[in-house]
Amino acid sequence: MADVPARCIKTLPVDYDGEIFAMMDLGLPVDTEDGQTYFVRPPSFGVWSLLETFESPFVTNLEDCTFLDVWRAMYINEKRSACASQVRDWFYGSGKDVDPENSETWQAWDNDCAAWADTVKIDWNYWALRIREWFQLSFNGTAMLPKTIGSSSEYWFGADTLGLVLATVGHVQGYDLHGVLWEIPFSIVSHTIAQHVHINNPKIPVARPKDEQDIRLQLRLAEEREERGELHPWQVKEPLEYDLTQAQTVNNPGLREQYERMRDAARGKPLLKVS
């Protein structure tokens, strides 16, 4: 299989502006139906932990998400530590057996979430996806680490991860447990963890993730060029950095001589001997 230099593959699109606002804890402005503006704060570690305890569909499967699922996630993000005991009581009670489509089965916390959603008057059909994308900015930092780097726990936001966060962000930024859980945006945490890993092991690369579709496309195009015995664009641009592959020379025996002339030219050597 042909190799393609990483720099020749597109990175996934990044909302750099959104990242900056999220790290400043400024919040995503959402227009409400009564002409007001509601600001969705970037989620904190504790918000993600509570959402993970009941595998919130707002996080795991937005397409099958109900209004109640959205309201629960938004309520947690809004109330944070003030609602943690409510989520716990709901979790250990019969909350996970609630039918989101049947309000007669709802528990106290479900009704509180619905009542809160009614006060903010957001068009959830319109804004749910945009808010979900806003939440996803939380992971842009850790997404820059290799996929092999991570916790062995079944939970992303379990006790072992919290220990890592306290030992990195809490130590460096001076946040206490409450601050790490509920105040600092997880977008800051994830970028801090990525840089902490890289600083302590410079051999571990930290870079924006590549576009999987473009990876497949560029590999296919490279294979086709080698089958035709053609040079790759990066070989043409930087002949001294890359050698020919076996497939290129087999499929085009004259390519070696052509490529050596290109390399000599790149070195500044004359192409013809002067007698």
Protein backbone atom coordinates (compact mmCIF):
# COMPACT_ATOMS: atom_id res chain seq x y z
CA MET A 1 0.00 0.00 0.00
CA ALA A 2 1.25 3.47 -0.86
CA ASP A 3 2.21 5.90 1.90
CA VAL A 4 0.90 9.46 1.98
CA PRO A 5 2.66 12.13 4.09
CA ALA A 6 0.42 13.33 6.91
CA ARG A 7 0.76 16.96 5.81
CA CYS A 8 -0.83 16.05 2.48
CA ILE A 9 -4.07 14.96 4.19
CA LYS A 10 -6.75 17.40 5.27
CA THR A 11 -7.38 17.93 8.96
CA LEU A 12 -10.93 17.85 10.26
CA PRO A 13 -12.62 21.27 10.33
CA VAL A 14 -12.14 23.06 13.65
CA ASP A 15 -14.30 25.83 15.10
CA TYR A 16 -11.31 27.82 16.35
CA ASP A 17 -13.45 30.80 17.33
CA GLY A 18 -15.83 28.58 19.25
CA GLU A 19 -12.88 27.01 21.08
CA ILE A 20 -11.68 30.41 22.22
CA PHE A 21 -15.10 31.44 23.50
CA ALA A 22 -15.61 28.08 25.18
CA MET A 23 -12.27 28.27 27.00
CA MET A 24 -13.27 31.74 28.23
CA ASP A 25 -16.54 30.27 29.54
CA LEU A 26 -18.48 32.87 27.54
CA GLY A 27 -21.26 30.59 26.37
CA LEU A 28 -23.04 29.99 23.07
CA PRO A 29 -25.73 32.63 22.38
CA VAL A 30 -29.09 31.05 21.57
CA ASP A 31 -32.08 33.10 20.40
CA THR A 32 -35.24 32.36 22.36
CA GLU A 33 -38.81 32.49 21.11
CA ASP A 34 -39.59 35.56 23.20
CA GLY A 35 -36.77 37.61 21.70
CA GLN A 36 -34.24 37.07 24.47
CA THR A 37 -30.79 35.47 24.35
CA TYR A 38 -29.86 32.41 26.37
CA PHE A 39 -26.19 31.55 26.79
CA VAL A 40 -25.26 27.85 26.86
CA ARG A 41 -22.16 27.48 28.99
CA PRO A 42 -19.44 25.09 27.80
CA PRO A 43 -19.80 21.86 29.81
CA SER A 44 -17.52 21.11 32.74
CA PHE A 45 -16.10 17.78 33.89
CA GLY A 46 -18.93 17.30 36.38
CA VAL A 47 -21.54 17.96 33.70
CA TRP A 48 -20.07 15.24 31.51
CA SER A 49 -19.81 12.86 34.47
CA LEU A 50 -23.51 13.21 35.30
CA LEU A 51 -24.49 12.79 31.65
CA GLU A 52 -22.37 9.65 31.44
CA THR A 53 -23.99 7.98 34.47
CA PHE A 54 -27.23 7.46 32.55
CA GLU A 55 -25.74 7.44 29.04
CA SER A 56 -27.60 10.54 27.97
CA PRO A 57 -28.98 10.13 24.42
CA PHE A 58 -28.20 13.81 23.89
CA VAL A 59 -24.57 12.69 23.97
CA THR A 60 -24.72 9.16 22.57
CA ASN A 61 -27.45 9.28 19.92
CA LEU A 62 -28.84 12.67 19.02
CA GLU A 63 -30.97 11.28 16.18
CA ASP A 64 -33.11 9.27 18.62
CA CYS A 65 -33.02 11.97 21.27
CA THR A 66 -36.33 13.13 22.77
CA PHE A 67 -37.11 16.60 24.05
CA LEU A 68 -36.79 15.32 27.62
CA ASP A 69 -33.33 13.97 26.84
CA VAL A 70 -32.27 17.41 25.62
CA TRP A 71 -33.85 19.14 28.61
CA ARG A 72 -32.06 16.86 31.07
CA ALA A 73 -28.67 17.61 29.49
CA MET A 74 -29.33 21.33 29.38
CA TYR A 75 -30.65 21.38 32.95
CA ILE A 76 -27.49 19.66 34.21
CA ASN A 77 -25.32 22.09 32.28
CA GLU A 78 -27.25 25.02 33.74
CA LYS A 79 -27.62 23.91 37.38
CA ARG A 80 -24.40 21.87 37.74
CA SER A 81 -23.57 21.13 41.39
CA ALA A 82 -27.00 22.39 42.48
CA CYS A 83 -28.70 19.49 40.66
CA ALA A 84 -26.16 16.71 41.28
CA SER A 85 -28.13 15.23 44.19
CA GLN A 86 -31.31 15.31 42.07
CA VAL A 87 -29.59 13.27 39.36
CA ARG A 88 -28.29 10.83 41.95
CA ASP A 89 -31.74 10.32 43.50
CA TRP A 90 -33.28 9.94 40.05
CA PHE A 91 -30.57 7.45 39.05
CA TYR A 92 -30.92 5.24 42.12
CA GLY A 93 -34.69 5.48 42.00
CA SER A 94 -36.67 4.50 38.92
CA GLY A 95 -35.43 7.32 36.70
CA LYS A 96 -33.85 5.08 34.08
CA ASP A 97 -37.20 3.34 33.59
CA VAL A 98 -38.95 6.58 32.69
CA ASP A 99 -40.65 6.76 29.28
CA PRO A 100 -39.55 10.15 27.89
CA GLU A 101 -42.64 10.23 25.66
CA ASN A 102 -45.08 9.60 28.53
CA SER A 103 -45.07 12.40 31.11
CA GLU A 104 -47.19 10.30 33.48
CA THR A 105 -44.11 8.13 34.12
CA TRP A 106 -41.79 11.06 34.80
CA GLN A 107 -40.03 11.48 38.12
CA ALA A 108 -39.54 14.69 40.08
CA TRP A 109 -36.29 15.57 38.34
CA ASP A 110 -37.82 14.99 34.88
CA ASN A 111 -40.61 17.44 35.73
CA ASP A 112 -38.07 19.99 36.98
CA CYS A 113 -36.18 19.70 33.69
CA ALA A 114 -39.37 20.22 31.67
CA ALA A 115 -40.40 23.18 33.80
CA TRP A 116 -36.99 24.77 33.37
CA ALA A 117 -37.10 24.24 29.59
CA ASP A 118 -40.46 25.99 29.47
CA THR A 119 -38.97 29.07 31.11
CA VAL A 120 -36.13 29.50 28.60
CA LYS A 121 -38.43 29.11 25.57
CA ILE A 122 -35.91 27.73 23.09
CA ASP A 123 -36.86 26.17 19.76
CA TRP A 124 -35.24 22.84 20.55
CA ASN A 125 -35.85 21.41 17.08
CA TYR A 126 -33.74 24.20 15.64
CA TRP A 127 -31.03 24.51 18.29
CA ALA A 128 -30.41 20.95 19.54
CA LEU A 129 -27.79 20.07 16.91
CA ARG A 130 -25.96 23.39 17.25
CA ILE A 131 -25.85 23.02 21.03
CA ARG A 132 -24.60 19.44 20.65
CA GLU A 133 -21.77 20.70 18.42
CA TRP A 134 -20.99 23.29 21.08
CA PHE A 135 -20.71 20.52 23.68
CA GLN A 136 -18.38 18.58 21.38
CA LEU A 137 -15.78 21.37 21.51
CA SER A 138 -14.95 19.91 24.92
CA PHE A 139 -12.97 17.12 23.26
CA ASN A 140 -10.93 19.05 20.71
CA GLY A 141 -7.85 18.93 22.93
CA THR A 142 -7.75 15.22 23.73
CA ALA A 143 -8.70 14.48 20.11
CA MET A 144 -5.18 15.64 19.18
CA LEU A 145 -3.63 12.70 21.04
CA PRO A 146 -3.11 9.26 19.45
CA LYS A 147 -6.08 6.96 19.92
CA THR A 148 -3.92 4.60 21.98
CA ILE A 149 -3.60 7.24 24.71
CA GLY A 150 -6.45 7.12 27.19
CA SER A 151 -7.97 5.62 30.28
CA SER A 152 -8.59 1.88 30.61
CA SER A 153 -11.79 2.59 32.53
CA GLU A 154 -15.21 1.94 31.02
CA TYR A 155 -16.08 5.53 31.93
CA TRP A 156 -14.50 8.51 30.20
CA PHE A 157 -15.38 10.73 33.15
CA GLY A 158 -14.84 8.31 36.00
CA ALA A 159 -12.72 8.59 39.13
CA ASP A 160 -9.44 7.71 37.41
CA THR A 161 -9.90 10.46 34.84
CA LEU A 162 -10.84 12.93 37.56
CA GLY A 163 -7.60 12.04 39.34
CA LEU A 164 -5.64 12.82 36.17
CA VAL A 165 -7.45 16.14 35.77
CA LEU A 166 -6.78 17.13 39.37
CA ALA A 167 -3.12 16.20 38.99
CA THR A 168 -2.76 18.26 35.80
CA VAL A 169 -5.25 21.10 35.49
CA GLY A 170 -5.93 21.35 39.20
CA HIS A 171 -2.23 21.49 39.99
CA VAL A 172 -1.24 23.85 37.19
CA GLN A 173 -4.22 26.21 37.35
CA GLY A 174 -4.76 26.05 41.09
CA TYR A 175 -8.37 24.85 40.92
CA ASP A 176 -9.86 22.93 43.84
CA LEU A 177 -12.18 19.94 43.42
CA HIS A 178 -15.31 22.10 43.06
CA GLY A 179 -13.63 24.27 40.45
CA VAL A 180 -12.44 21.32 38.38
CA LEU A 181 -15.84 19.61 38.55
CA TRP A 182 -18.15 22.54 37.97
CA GLU A 183 -16.42 25.77 36.99
CA ILE A 184 -13.60 25.28 34.50
CA PRO A 185 -14.79 24.39 30.96
CA PHE A 186 -13.72 20.91 29.95
CA SER A 187 -12.39 22.38 26.70
CA ILE A 188 -9.54 23.88 28.77
CA VAL A 189 -9.06 20.58 30.58
CA SER A 190 -8.78 18.54 27.39
CA HIS A 191 -6.22 20.89 25.82
CA THR A 192 -4.21 20.95 29.06
CA ILE A 193 -4.16 17.15 29.22
CA ALA A 194 -2.97 16.93 25.60
CA GLN A 195 -0.09 19.33 26.21
CA HIS A 196 0.75 17.68 29.54
CA VAL A 197 1.10 14.31 27.79
CA HIS A 198 3.27 15.80 25.05
CA ILE A 199 5.50 17.74 27.45
CA ASN A 200 6.15 14.63 29.53
CA ASN A 201 6.74 12.50 26.43
CA PRO A 202 7.73 14.64 23.43
CA LYS A 203 7.70 11.58 21.18
CA ILE A 204 3.91 11.43 21.47
CA PRO A 205 2.54 13.63 18.67
CA VAL A 206 -0.08 16.25 19.42
CA ALA A 207 -1.91 17.41 16.30
CA ARG A 208 -5.39 18.10 14.99
CA PRO A 209 -7.01 14.85 13.80
CA LYS A 210 -7.09 14.06 10.12
CA ASP A 211 -10.18 13.72 7.95
CA GLU A 212 -10.84 9.97 7.63
CA GLN A 213 -12.57 10.40 4.27
CA ASP A 214 -9.63 12.35 2.87
CA ILE A 215 -7.23 9.69 4.20
CA ARG A 216 -9.05 7.03 2.19
CA LEU A 217 -9.19 9.28 -0.89
CA GLN A 218 -5.50 10.19 -0.83
CA LEU A 219 -4.44 6.57 -0.31
CA ARG A 220 -6.55 5.49 -3.29
CA LEU A 221 -5.12 8.23 -5.51
CA ALA A 222 -1.59 7.32 -4.44
CA GLU A 223 -2.19 3.66 -5.29
CA GLU A 224 -3.47 4.64 -8.73
CA ARG A 225 -0.41 6.83 -9.42
CA GLU A 226 1.95 4.03 -8.46
CA GLU A 227 0.09 1.59 -10.70
CA ARG A 228 0.63 4.04 -13.57
CA GLY A 229 4.28 4.54 -12.59
CA GLU A 230 3.79 8.24 -11.90
CA LEU A 231 5.40 10.51 -9.34
CA HIS A 232 3.49 11.67 -6.31
CA PRO A 233 2.96 15.44 -5.84
CA TRP A 234 5.18 15.45 -2.75
CA GLN A 235 7.98 13.76 -4.73
CA VAL A 236 7.75 16.41 -7.41
CA LYS A 237 7.81 19.20 -4.83
CA GLU A 238 10.51 17.74 -2.57
CA PRO A 239 12.47 15.08 -4.49
CA LEU A 240 15.28 15.00 -1.93
CA GLU A 241 12.89 14.09 0.88
CA TYR A 242 11.25 11.08 -0.74
CA ASP A 243 12.51 8.06 -2.62
CA LEU A 244 10.68 6.12 -5.30
CA THR A 245 8.66 3.09 -4.25
CA GLN A 246 9.19 -0.35 -5.69
CA ALA A 247 5.80 -0.21 -7.39
CA GLN A 248 6.71 3.03 -9.18
CA THR A 249 9.96 1.66 -10.58
CA VAL A 250 8.40 -1.68 -11.58
CA ASN A 251 5.50 -0.02 -13.39
CA ASN A 252 7.73 2.61 -15.01
CA PRO A 253 11.37 1.45 -15.42
CA GLY A 254 12.44 4.81 -16.85
CA LEU A 255 11.17 6.75 -13.85
CA ARG A 256 14.36 6.20 -11.82
CA GLU A 257 16.55 8.08 -14.33
CA GLN A 258 13.98 10.90 -14.57
CA TYR A 259 13.77 11.19 -10.80
CA GLU A 260 17.54 11.25 -10.36
CA ARG A 261 17.76 14.19 -12.76
CA MET A 262 15.13 15.99 -10.68
CA ARG A 263 17.10 15.29 -7.52
CA ASP A 264 20.32 16.54 -9.06
CA ALA A 265 18.54 19.73 -10.09
CA ALA A 266 17.26 20.14 -6.54
CA ARG A 267 20.82 19.77 -5.23
CA GLY A 268 21.97 22.46 -7.67
CA LYS A 269 24.04 20.08 -9.76
CA PRO A 270 24.36 20.75 -13.51
CA LEU A 271 22.22 18.42 -15.57
CA LEU A 272 24.88 18.07 -18.32
CA LYS A 273 28.62 17.67 -17.95
CA VAL A 274 30.62 20.57 -19.32
CA SER A 275 33.67 19.41 -21.34
